[in-house]
Every structure is written in structure tokens, then in C-alpha cells.
Amino acid sequence: LDSGGLIKQPIISKFLFPPLGYLATEFLRNLK
């Protein structure tokens, strides 16, 4: 169903580490 598996992940994911990782997840936690 509208599947992943053909699009490569953005390179930024390799550099997502605390505190940047924590801030990113808090961004995703934001309901807006």
C-alpha cells in the first residue's frame, strides 16, 4: 500500500544523534 522500498533514505538520517536526535523527535512529537 503506497509502499516504501524504492526510495533511498536522506543522508541526514546518518547524522541524527543526540542532542540533535532528541530535538528532532521532539519536533515530531509536536501535534501541529
Full PDB file with SEQRES, HELIX, SHEET, SSBOND, CRYST1, ORIGX, SCALE, CONECT and MASTER records, all heavy atoms in Angstrom:
SEQRES   1 A   32  LEU ASP SER GLY GLY LEU ILE LYS GLN PRO ILE ILE SER          
SEQRES   2 A   32  LYS PHE LEU PHE PRO PRO LEU GLY TYR LEU ALA THR GLU          
SEQRES   3 A   32  PHE LEU ARG ASN LEU LYS                                      
HELIX    1 AA1 ILE A   11  PHE A   15  5                                   5    
HELIX    2 AA2 LEU A   20  ARG A   29  1                                  10    
CRYST1    1.000    1.000    1.000  90.00  90.00  90.00 P 1           1          
ORIGX1      1.000000  0.000000  0.000000        0.00000                         
ORIGX2      0.000000  1.000000  0.000000        0.00000                         
ORIGX3      0.000000  0.000000  1.000000        0.00000                         
SCALE1      1.000000  0.000000  0.000000        0.00000                         
SCALE2      0.000000  1.000000  0.000000        0.00000                         
SCALE3      0.000000  0.000000  1.000000        0.00000                         
ATOM      1  N   LEU A   1       0.845  -1.192   0.000  1.00  0.00           N  
ATOM      2  CA  LEU A   1       0.000   0.000   0.000  1.00  0.00           C  
ATOM      3  C   LEU A   1       0.881   1.244   0.000  1.00  0.00           C  
ATOM      4  O   LEU A   1       1.528   1.544   1.004  1.00  0.00           O  
ATOM      5  CB  LEU A   1      -0.901   0.017   1.243  1.00  0.00           C  
ATOM      6  CG  LEU A   1      -1.746  -1.222   1.537  1.00  0.00           C  
ATOM      7  CD1 LEU A   1      -2.502  -1.049   2.853  1.00  0.00           C  
ATOM      8  CD2 LEU A   1      -2.726  -1.485   0.408  1.00  0.00           C  
ATOM      9  N   ASP A   2       0.951   1.935  -1.137  1.00  0.00           N  
ATOM     10  CA  ASP A   2       1.797   3.134  -1.239  1.00  0.00           C  
ATOM     11  C   ASP A   2       3.119   2.887  -0.506  1.00  0.00           C  
ATOM     12  O   ASP A   2       3.474   3.575   0.453  1.00  0.00           O  
ATOM     13  CB  ASP A   2       1.064   4.337  -0.676  1.00  0.00           C  
ATOM     14  CG  ASP A   2      -0.100   4.766  -1.563  1.00  0.00           C  
ATOM     15  OD1 ASP A   2      -1.084   4.023  -1.653  1.00  0.00           O  
ATOM     16  OD2 ASP A   2      -0.007   5.837  -2.175  1.00  0.00           O  
ATOM     17  N   SER A   3       3.833   1.905  -0.980  1.00  0.00           N  
ATOM     18  CA  SER A   3       4.931   1.291  -0.237  1.00  0.00           C  
ATOM     19  C   SER A   3       6.265   2.013  -0.368  1.00  0.00           C  
ATOM     20  O   SER A   3       6.618   2.545  -1.425  1.00  0.00           O  
ATOM     21  CB  SER A   3       5.096  -0.155  -0.720  1.00  0.00           C  
ATOM     22  OG  SER A   3       6.201  -0.772  -0.108  1.00  0.00           O  
ATOM     23  N   GLY A   4       7.023   1.982   0.725  1.00  0.00           N  
ATOM     24  CA  GLY A   4       8.426   2.310   0.669  1.00  0.00           C  
ATOM     25  C   GLY A   4       9.187   1.120   0.108  1.00  0.00           C  
ATOM     26  O   GLY A   4       8.621   0.071  -0.158  1.00  0.00           O  
ATOM     27  N   GLY A   5      10.486   1.294  -0.067  1.00  0.00           N  
ATOM     28  CA  GLY A   5      11.302   0.196  -0.565  1.00  0.00           C  
ATOM     29  C   GLY A   5      11.980   0.489  -1.889  1.00  0.00           C  
ATOM     30  O   GLY A   5      12.791  -0.295  -2.364  1.00  0.00           O  
ATOM     31  N   LEU A   6      11.674   1.648  -2.480  1.00  0.00           N  
ATOM     32  CA  LEU A   6      12.340   2.048  -3.723  1.00  0.00           C  
ATOM     33  C   LEU A   6      13.040   3.394  -3.596  1.00  0.00           C  
ATOM     34  O   LEU A   6      13.842   3.760  -4.445  1.00  0.00           O  
ATOM     35  CB  LEU A   6      11.338   2.121  -4.881  1.00  0.00           C  
ATOM     36  CG  LEU A   6      10.986   0.787  -5.541  1.00  0.00           C  
ATOM     37  CD1 LEU A   6       9.929   0.989  -6.618  1.00  0.00           C  
ATOM     38  CD2 LEU A   6      12.219   0.126  -6.134  1.00  0.00           C  
ATOM     39  N   ILE A   7      12.732   4.119  -2.541  1.00  0.00           N  
ATOM     40  CA  ILE A   7      13.322   5.443  -2.348  1.00  0.00           C  
ATOM     41  C   ILE A   7      14.356   5.377  -1.233  1.00  0.00           C  
ATOM     42  O   ILE A   7      14.055   4.949  -0.121  1.00  0.00           O  
ATOM     43  CB  ILE A   7      12.235   6.478  -1.997  1.00  0.00           C  
ATOM     44  CG1 ILE A   7      11.232   6.584  -3.161  1.00  0.00           C  
ATOM     45  CG2 ILE A   7      12.856   7.837  -1.709  1.00  0.00           C  
ATOM     46  CD1 ILE A   7      10.058   7.487  -2.872  1.00  0.00           C  
ATOM     47  N   LYS A   8      15.575   5.783  -1.532  1.00  0.00           N  
ATOM     48  CA  LYS A   8      16.645   5.759  -0.539  1.00  0.00           C  
ATOM     49  C   LYS A   8      16.418   6.832   0.519  1.00  0.00           C  
ATOM     50  O   LYS A   8      15.861   7.882   0.254  1.00  0.00           O  
ATOM     51  CB  LYS A   8      17.997   5.949  -1.223  1.00  0.00           C  
ATOM     52  CG  LYS A   8      18.365   4.792  -2.151  1.00  0.00           C  
ATOM     53  CD  LYS A   8      19.708   5.003  -2.810  1.00  0.00           C  
ATOM     54  CE  LYS A   8      20.057   3.834  -3.715  1.00  0.00           C  
ATOM     55  NZ  LYS A   8      21.349   4.025  -4.390  1.00  0.00           N  
ATOM     56  N   GLN A   9      16.880   6.523   1.730  1.00  0.00           N  
ATOM     57  CA  GLN A   9      16.711   7.455   2.831  1.00  0.00           C  
ATOM     58  C   GLN A   9      17.621   8.670   2.656  1.00  0.00           C  
ATOM     59  O   GLN A   9      18.717   8.562   2.115  1.00  0.00           O  
ATOM     60  CB  GLN A   9      17.053   6.764   4.158  1.00  0.00           C  
ATOM     61  CG  GLN A   9      16.106   5.638   4.515  1.00  0.00           C  
ATOM     62  CD  GLN A   9      14.705   6.165   4.735  1.00  0.00           C  
ATOM     63  OE1 GLN A   9      14.472   6.988   5.609  1.00  0.00           O  
ATOM     64  NE2 GLN A   9      13.771   5.711   3.929  1.00  0.00           N  
ATOM     65  N   PRO A  10      17.170   9.852   3.105  1.00  0.00           N  
ATOM     66  CA  PRO A  10      18.036  11.041   3.014  1.00  0.00           C  
ATOM     67  C   PRO A  10      19.277  10.874   3.880  1.00  0.00           C  
ATOM     68  O   PRO A  10      19.226  10.259   4.946  1.00  0.00           O  
ATOM     69  CB  PRO A  10      17.138  12.174   3.547  1.00  0.00           C  
ATOM     70  CG  PRO A  10      16.101  11.477   4.383  1.00  0.00           C  
ATOM     71  CD  PRO A  10      15.884  10.143   3.719  1.00  0.00           C  
ATOM     72  N   ILE A  11      20.390  11.437   3.430  1.00  0.00           N  
ATOM     73  CA  ILE A  11      21.656  11.257   4.132  1.00  0.00           C  
ATOM     74  C   ILE A  11      21.637  11.868   5.526  1.00  0.00           C  
ATOM     75  O   ILE A  11      22.395  11.451   6.408  1.00  0.00           O  
ATOM     76  CB  ILE A  11      22.816  11.857   3.301  1.00  0.00           C  
ATOM     77  CG1 ILE A  11      24.168  11.359   3.834  1.00  0.00           C  
ATOM     78  CG2 ILE A  11      22.748  13.373   3.284  1.00  0.00           C  
ATOM     79  CD1 ILE A  11      25.334  11.657   2.915  1.00  0.00           C  
ATOM     80  N   ILE A  12      20.745  12.835   5.786  1.00  0.00           N  
ATOM     81  CA  ILE A  12      20.690  13.466   7.105  1.00  0.00           C  
ATOM     82  C   ILE A  12      20.418  12.451   8.208  1.00  0.00           C  
ATOM     83  O   ILE A  12      20.836  12.624   9.350  1.00  0.00           O  
ATOM     84  CB  ILE A  12      19.617  14.586   7.128  1.00  0.00           C  
ATOM     85  CG1 ILE A  12      19.683  15.400   8.433  1.00  0.00           C  
ATOM     86  CG2 ILE A  12      18.235  14.001   6.926  1.00  0.00           C  
ATOM     87  CD1 ILE A  12      20.952  16.133   8.631  1.00  0.00           C  
ATOM     88  N   SER A  13      19.758  11.343   7.864  1.00  0.00           N  
ATOM     89  CA  SER A  13      19.440  10.338   8.879  1.00  0.00           C  
ATOM     90  C   SER A  13      20.702   9.742   9.490  1.00  0.00           C  
ATOM     91  O   SER A  13      20.695   9.297  10.639  1.00  0.00           O  
ATOM     92  CB  SER A  13      18.581   9.223   8.267  1.00  0.00           C  
ATOM     93  OG  SER A  13      19.326   8.500   7.292  1.00  0.00           O  
ATOM     94  N   LYS A  14      21.794   9.737   8.745  1.00  0.00           N  
ATOM     95  CA  LYS A  14      23.055   9.197   9.255  1.00  0.00           C  
ATOM     96  C   LYS A  14      23.665  10.092  10.334  1.00  0.00           C  
ATOM     97  O   LYS A  14      24.529   9.673  11.083  1.00  0.00           O  
ATOM     98  CB  LYS A  14      24.053   9.027   8.106  1.00  0.00           C  
ATOM     99  CG  LYS A  14      23.655   7.958   7.098  1.00  0.00           C  
ATOM    100  CD  LYS A  14      23.776   6.565   7.674  1.00  0.00           C  
ATOM    101  CE  LYS A  14      23.536   5.507   6.615  1.00  0.00           C  
ATOM    102  NZ  LYS A  14      23.640   4.149   7.161  1.00  0.00           N  
ATOM    103  N   PHE A  15      23.230  11.345  10.368  1.00  0.00           N  
ATOM    104  CA  PHE A  15      23.822  12.298  11.296  1.00  0.00           C  
ATOM    105  C   PHE A  15      22.870  12.688  12.421  1.00  0.00           C  
ATOM    106  O   PHE A  15      23.096  13.673  13.116  1.00  0.00           O  
ATOM    107  CB  PHE A  15      24.253  13.556  10.530  1.00  0.00           C  
ATOM    108  CG  PHE A  15      25.241  13.262   9.438  1.00  0.00           C  
ATOM    109  CD1 PHE A  15      24.820  13.104   8.128  1.00  0.00           C  
ATOM    110  CD2 PHE A  15      26.585  13.108   9.720  1.00  0.00           C  
ATOM    111  CE1 PHE A  15      25.725  12.817   7.121  1.00  0.00           C  
ATOM    112  CE2 PHE A  15      27.500  12.818   8.718  1.00  0.00           C  
ATOM    113  CZ  PHE A  15      27.070  12.663   7.413  1.00  0.00           C  
ATOM    114  N   LEU A  16      21.815  11.911  12.594  1.00  0.00           N  
ATOM    115  CA  LEU A  16      20.831  12.230  13.622  1.00  0.00           C  
ATOM    116  C   LEU A  16      21.278  11.627  14.939  1.00  0.00           C  
ATOM    117  O   LEU A  16      21.063  10.467  15.223  1.00  0.00           O  
ATOM    118  CB  LEU A  16      19.464  11.678  13.210  1.00  0.00           C  
ATOM    119  CG  LEU A  16      18.261  12.149  14.033  1.00  0.00           C  
ATOM    120  CD1 LEU A  16      18.100  13.647  13.942  1.00  0.00           C  
ATOM    121  CD2 LEU A  16      16.993  11.464  13.561  1.00  0.00           C  
ATOM    122  N   PHE A  17      21.965  12.411  15.756  1.00  0.00           N  
ATOM    123  CA  PHE A  17      22.468  11.916  17.030  1.00  0.00           C  
ATOM    124  C   PHE A  17      22.113  12.925  18.119  1.00  0.00           C  
ATOM    125  O   PHE A  17      21.922  14.110  17.838  1.00  0.00           O  
ATOM    126  CB  PHE A  17      23.988  11.697  16.972  1.00  0.00           C  
ATOM    127  CG  PHE A  17      24.753  12.910  16.541  1.00  0.00           C  
ATOM    128  CD1 PHE A  17      25.182  13.850  17.471  1.00  0.00           C  
ATOM    129  CD2 PHE A  17      25.040  13.122  15.203  1.00  0.00           C  
ATOM    130  CE1 PHE A  17      25.886  14.964  17.077  1.00  0.00           C  
ATOM    131  CE2 PHE A  17      25.742  14.250  14.801  1.00  0.00           C  
ATOM    132  CZ  PHE A  17      26.167  15.174  15.737  1.00  0.00           C  
ATOM    133  N   PRO A  18      22.037  12.473  19.390  1.00  0.00           N  
ATOM    134  CA  PRO A  18      21.712  13.399  20.487  1.00  0.00           C  
ATOM    135  C   PRO A  18      22.778  14.497  20.588  1.00  0.00           C  
ATOM    136  O   PRO A  18      23.961  14.209  20.391  1.00  0.00           O  
ATOM    137  CB  PRO A  18      21.724  12.502  21.723  1.00  0.00           C  
ATOM    138  CG  PRO A  18      21.485  11.127  21.180  1.00  0.00           C  
ATOM    139  CD  PRO A  18      22.159  11.098  19.833  1.00  0.00           C  
ATOM    140  N   PRO A  19      22.403  15.777  20.879  1.00  0.00           N  
ATOM    141  CA  PRO A  19      21.033  16.222  21.168  1.00  0.00           C  
ATOM    142  C   PRO A  19      20.195  16.488  19.927  1.00  0.00           C  
ATOM    143  O   PRO A  19      19.007  16.723  20.016  1.00  0.00           O  
ATOM    144  CB  PRO A  19      21.251  17.520  21.949  1.00  0.00           C  
ATOM    145  CG  PRO A  19      22.506  18.075  21.346  1.00  0.00           C  
ATOM    146  CD  PRO A  19      23.383  16.872  21.052  1.00  0.00           C  
ATOM    147  N   LEU A  20      20.833  16.503  18.724  1.00  0.00           N  
ATOM    148  CA  LEU A  20      20.064  16.741  17.505  1.00  0.00           C  
ATOM    149  C   LEU A  20      18.949  15.713  17.355  1.00  0.00           C  
ATOM    150  O   LEU A  20      17.828  16.027  17.001  1.00  0.00           O  
ATOM    151  CB  LEU A  20      20.981  16.698  16.284  1.00  0.00           C  
ATOM    152  CG  LEU A  20      20.301  16.860  14.910  1.00  0.00           C  
ATOM    153  CD1 LEU A  20      19.559  18.182  14.842  1.00  0.00           C  
ATOM    154  CD2 LEU A  20      21.321  16.748  13.794  1.00  0.00           C  
ATOM    155  N   GLY A  21      19.254  14.439  17.668  1.00  0.00           N  
ATOM    156  CA  GLY A  21      18.238  13.406  17.566  1.00  0.00           C  
ATOM    157  C   GLY A  21      17.076  13.664  18.494  1.00  0.00           C  
ATOM    158  O   GLY A  21      15.910  13.524  18.114  1.00  0.00           O  
ATOM    159  N   TYR A  22      17.371  14.075  19.719  1.00  0.00           N  
ATOM    160  CA  TYR A  22      16.311  14.357  20.684  1.00  0.00           C  
ATOM    161  C   TYR A  22      15.448  15.517  20.202  1.00  0.00           C  
ATOM    162  O   TYR A  22      14.219  15.460  20.263  1.00  0.00           O  
ATOM    163  CB  TYR A  22      16.920  14.683  22.053  1.00  0.00           C  
ATOM    164  CG  TYR A  22      15.893  15.119  23.077  1.00  0.00           C  
ATOM    165  CD1 TYR A  22      15.095  14.183  23.730  1.00  0.00           C  
ATOM    166  CD2 TYR A  22      15.709  16.469  23.359  1.00  0.00           C  
ATOM    167  CE1 TYR A  22      14.136  14.588  24.655  1.00  0.00           C  
ATOM    168  CE2 TYR A  22      14.767  16.878  24.280  1.00  0.00           C  
ATOM    169  CZ  TYR A  22      13.978  15.934  24.925  1.00  0.00           C  
ATOM    170  OH  TYR A  22      13.025  16.333  25.820  1.00  0.00           O  
ATOM    171  N   LEU A  23      16.085  16.570  19.697  1.00  0.00           N  
ATOM    172  CA  LEU A  23      15.334  17.725  19.223  1.00  0.00           C  
ATOM    173  C   LEU A  23      14.463  17.354  18.030  1.00  0.00           C  
ATOM    174  O   LEU A  23      13.342  17.849  17.886  1.00  0.00           O  
ATOM    175  CB  LEU A  23      16.302  18.855  18.850  1.00  0.00           C  
ATOM    176  CG  LEU A  23      17.075  19.477  20.015  1.00  0.00           C  
ATOM    177  CD1 LEU A  23      18.082  20.495  19.496  1.00  0.00           C  
ATOM    178  CD2 LEU A  23      16.121  20.131  21.010  1.00  0.00           C  
ATOM    179  N   ALA A  24      14.976  16.474  17.186  1.00  0.00           N  
ATOM    180  CA  ALA A  24      14.197  16.041  16.023  1.00  0.00           C  
ATOM    181  C   ALA A  24      12.965  15.269  16.449  1.00  0.00           C  
ATOM    182  O   ALA A  24      11.879  15.449  15.894  1.00  0.00           O  
ATOM    183  CB  ALA A  24      15.065  15.197  15.098  1.00  0.00           C  
ATOM    184  N   THR A  25      13.113  14.385  17.449  1.00  0.00           N  
ATOM    185  CA  THR A  25      11.948  13.628  17.903  1.00  0.00           C  
ATOM    186  C   THR A  25      10.947  14.529  18.614  1.00  0.00           C  
ATOM    187  O   THR A  25       9.727  14.328  18.493  1.00  0.00           O  
ATOM    188  CB  THR A  25      12.359  12.471  18.836  1.00  0.00           C  
ATOM    189  OG1 THR A  25      13.112  12.983  19.941  1.00  0.00           O  
ATOM    190  CG2 THR A  25      13.167  11.429  18.088  1.00  0.00           C  
ATOM    191  N   GLU A  26      11.442  15.528  19.328  1.00  0.00           N  
ATOM    192  CA  GLU A  26      10.522  16.474  19.959  1.00  0.00           C  
ATOM    193  C   GLU A  26       9.765  17.280  18.906  1.00  0.00           C  
ATOM    194  O   GLU A  26       8.598  17.640  19.091  1.00  0.00           O  
ATOM    195  CB  GLU A  26      11.270  17.399  20.913  1.00  0.00           C  
ATOM    196  CG  GLU A  26      11.754  16.703  22.176  1.00  0.00           C  
ATOM    197  CD  GLU A  26      10.618  15.960  22.886  1.00  0.00           C  
ATOM    198  OE1 GLU A  26       9.681  16.627  23.368  1.00  0.00           O  
ATOM    199  OE2 GLU A  26      10.667  14.712  22.941  1.00  0.00           O  
ATOM    200  N   PHE A  27      10.413  17.543  17.786  1.00  0.00           N  
ATOM    201  CA  PHE A  27       9.744  18.198  16.657  1.00  0.00           C  
ATOM    202  C   PHE A  27       8.610  17.312  16.143  1.00  0.00           C  
ATOM    203  O   PHE A  27       7.498  17.777  15.899  1.00  0.00           O  
ATOM    204  CB  PHE A  27      10.767  18.475  15.552  1.00  0.00           C  
ATOM    205  CG  PHE A  27      10.187  19.102  14.314  1.00  0.00           C  
ATOM    206  CD1 PHE A  27       9.819  20.438  14.302  1.00  0.00           C  
ATOM    207  CD2 PHE A  27      10.028  18.346  13.162  1.00  0.00           C  
ATOM    208  CE1 PHE A  27       9.285  21.015  13.151  1.00  0.00           C  
ATOM    209  CE2 PHE A  27       9.499  18.917  12.012  1.00  0.00           C  
ATOM    210  CZ  PHE A  27       9.126  20.262  12.003  1.00  0.00           C  
ATOM    211  N   LEU A  28       8.893  16.011  16.012  1.00  0.00           N  
ATOM    212  CA  LEU A  28       7.868  15.072  15.559  1.00  0.00           C  
ATOM    213  C   LEU A  28       6.764  14.877  16.589  1.00  0.00           C  
ATOM    214  O   LEU A  28       5.645  14.510  16.250  1.00  0.00           O  
ATOM    215  CB  LEU A  28       8.500  13.711  15.233  1.00  0.00           C  
ATOM    216  CG  LEU A  28       9.295  13.615  13.944  1.00  0.00           C  
ATOM    217  CD1 LEU A  28       9.934  12.242  13.820  1.00  0.00           C  
ATOM    218  CD2 LEU A  28       8.402  13.889  12.735  1.00  0.00           C  
ATOM    219  N   ARG A  29       7.076  15.112  17.860  1.00  0.00           N  
ATOM    220  CA  ARG A  29       6.071  14.977  18.909  1.00  0.00           C  
ATOM    221  C   ARG A  29       5.048  16.131  18.860  1.00  0.00           C  
ATOM    222  O   ARG A  29       3.918  15.973  19.323  1.00  0.00           O  
ATOM    223  CB  ARG A  29       6.747  14.963  20.287  1.00  0.00           C  
ATOM    224  CG  ARG A  29       5.805  14.586  21.425  1.00  0.00           C  
ATOM    225  CD  ARG A  29       6.446  14.880  22.765  1.00  0.00           C  
ATOM    226  NE  ARG A  29       7.564  14.012  23.062  1.00  0.00           N  
ATOM    227  CZ  ARG A  29       7.448  12.810  23.631  1.00  0.00           C  
ATOM    228  NH1 ARG A  29       6.266  12.341  23.947  1.00  0.00           N  
ATOM    229  NH2 ARG A  29       8.532  12.089  23.879  1.00  0.00           N  
ATOM    230  N   ASN A  30       5.454  17.247  18.285  1.00  0.00           N  
ATOM    231  CA  ASN A  30       4.592  18.413  18.229  1.00  0.00           C  
ATOM    232  C   ASN A  30       3.325  18.102  17.426  1.00  0.00           C  
ATOM    233  O   ASN A  30       3.386  17.677  16.271  1.00  0.00           O  
ATOM    234  CB  ASN A  30       5.349  19.583  17.576  1.00  0.00           C  
ATOM    235  CG  ASN A  30       4.571  20.867  17.596  1.00  0.00           C  
ATOM    236  OD1 ASN A  30       3.553  21.005  16.932  1.00  0.00           O  
ATOM    237  ND2 ASN A  30       5.054  21.833  18.359  1.00  0.00           N  
ATOM    238  N   LEU A  31       2.164  18.315  18.040  1.00  0.00           N  
ATOM    239  CA  LEU A  31       0.902  17.929  17.400  1.00  0.00           C  
ATOM    240  C   LEU A  31       0.608  18.755  16.151  1.00  0.00           C  
ATOM    241  O   LEU A  31      -0.031  18.253  15.209  1.00  0.00           O  
ATOM    242  CB  LEU A  31      -0.246  18.048  18.403  1.00  0.00           C  
ATOM    243  CG  LEU A  31      -0.201  17.068  19.578  1.00  0.00           C  
ATOM    244  CD1 LEU A  31      -1.451  17.207  20.432  1.00  0.00           C  
ATOM    245  CD2 LEU A  31      -0.044  15.629  19.099  1.00  0.00           C  
ATOM    246  N   LYS A  32       1.069  19.995  16.097  1.00  0.00           N  
ATOM    247  CA  LYS A  32       0.865  20.792  14.889  1.00  0.00           C  
ATOM    248  C   LYS A  32       1.665  20.220  13.720  1.00  0.00           C  
ATOM    249  O   LYS A  32       1.198  20.218  12.574  1.00  0.00           O  
ATOM    250  CB  LYS A  32       1.271  22.247  15.159  1.00  0.00           C  
ATOM    251  CG  LYS A  32       0.314  22.987  16.084  1.00  0.00           C  
ATOM    252  CD  LYS A  32       0.733  24.440  16.252  1.00  0.00           C  
ATOM    253  CE  LYS A  32      -0.252  25.181  17.163  1.00  0.00           C  
ATOM    254  NZ  LYS A  32       0.135  26.605  17.351  1.00  0.00           N  
TER     255      LYS A  32                                                      
MASTER        0    0    0    2    0    0    0    6  254    1    0    3          
END                                                                             
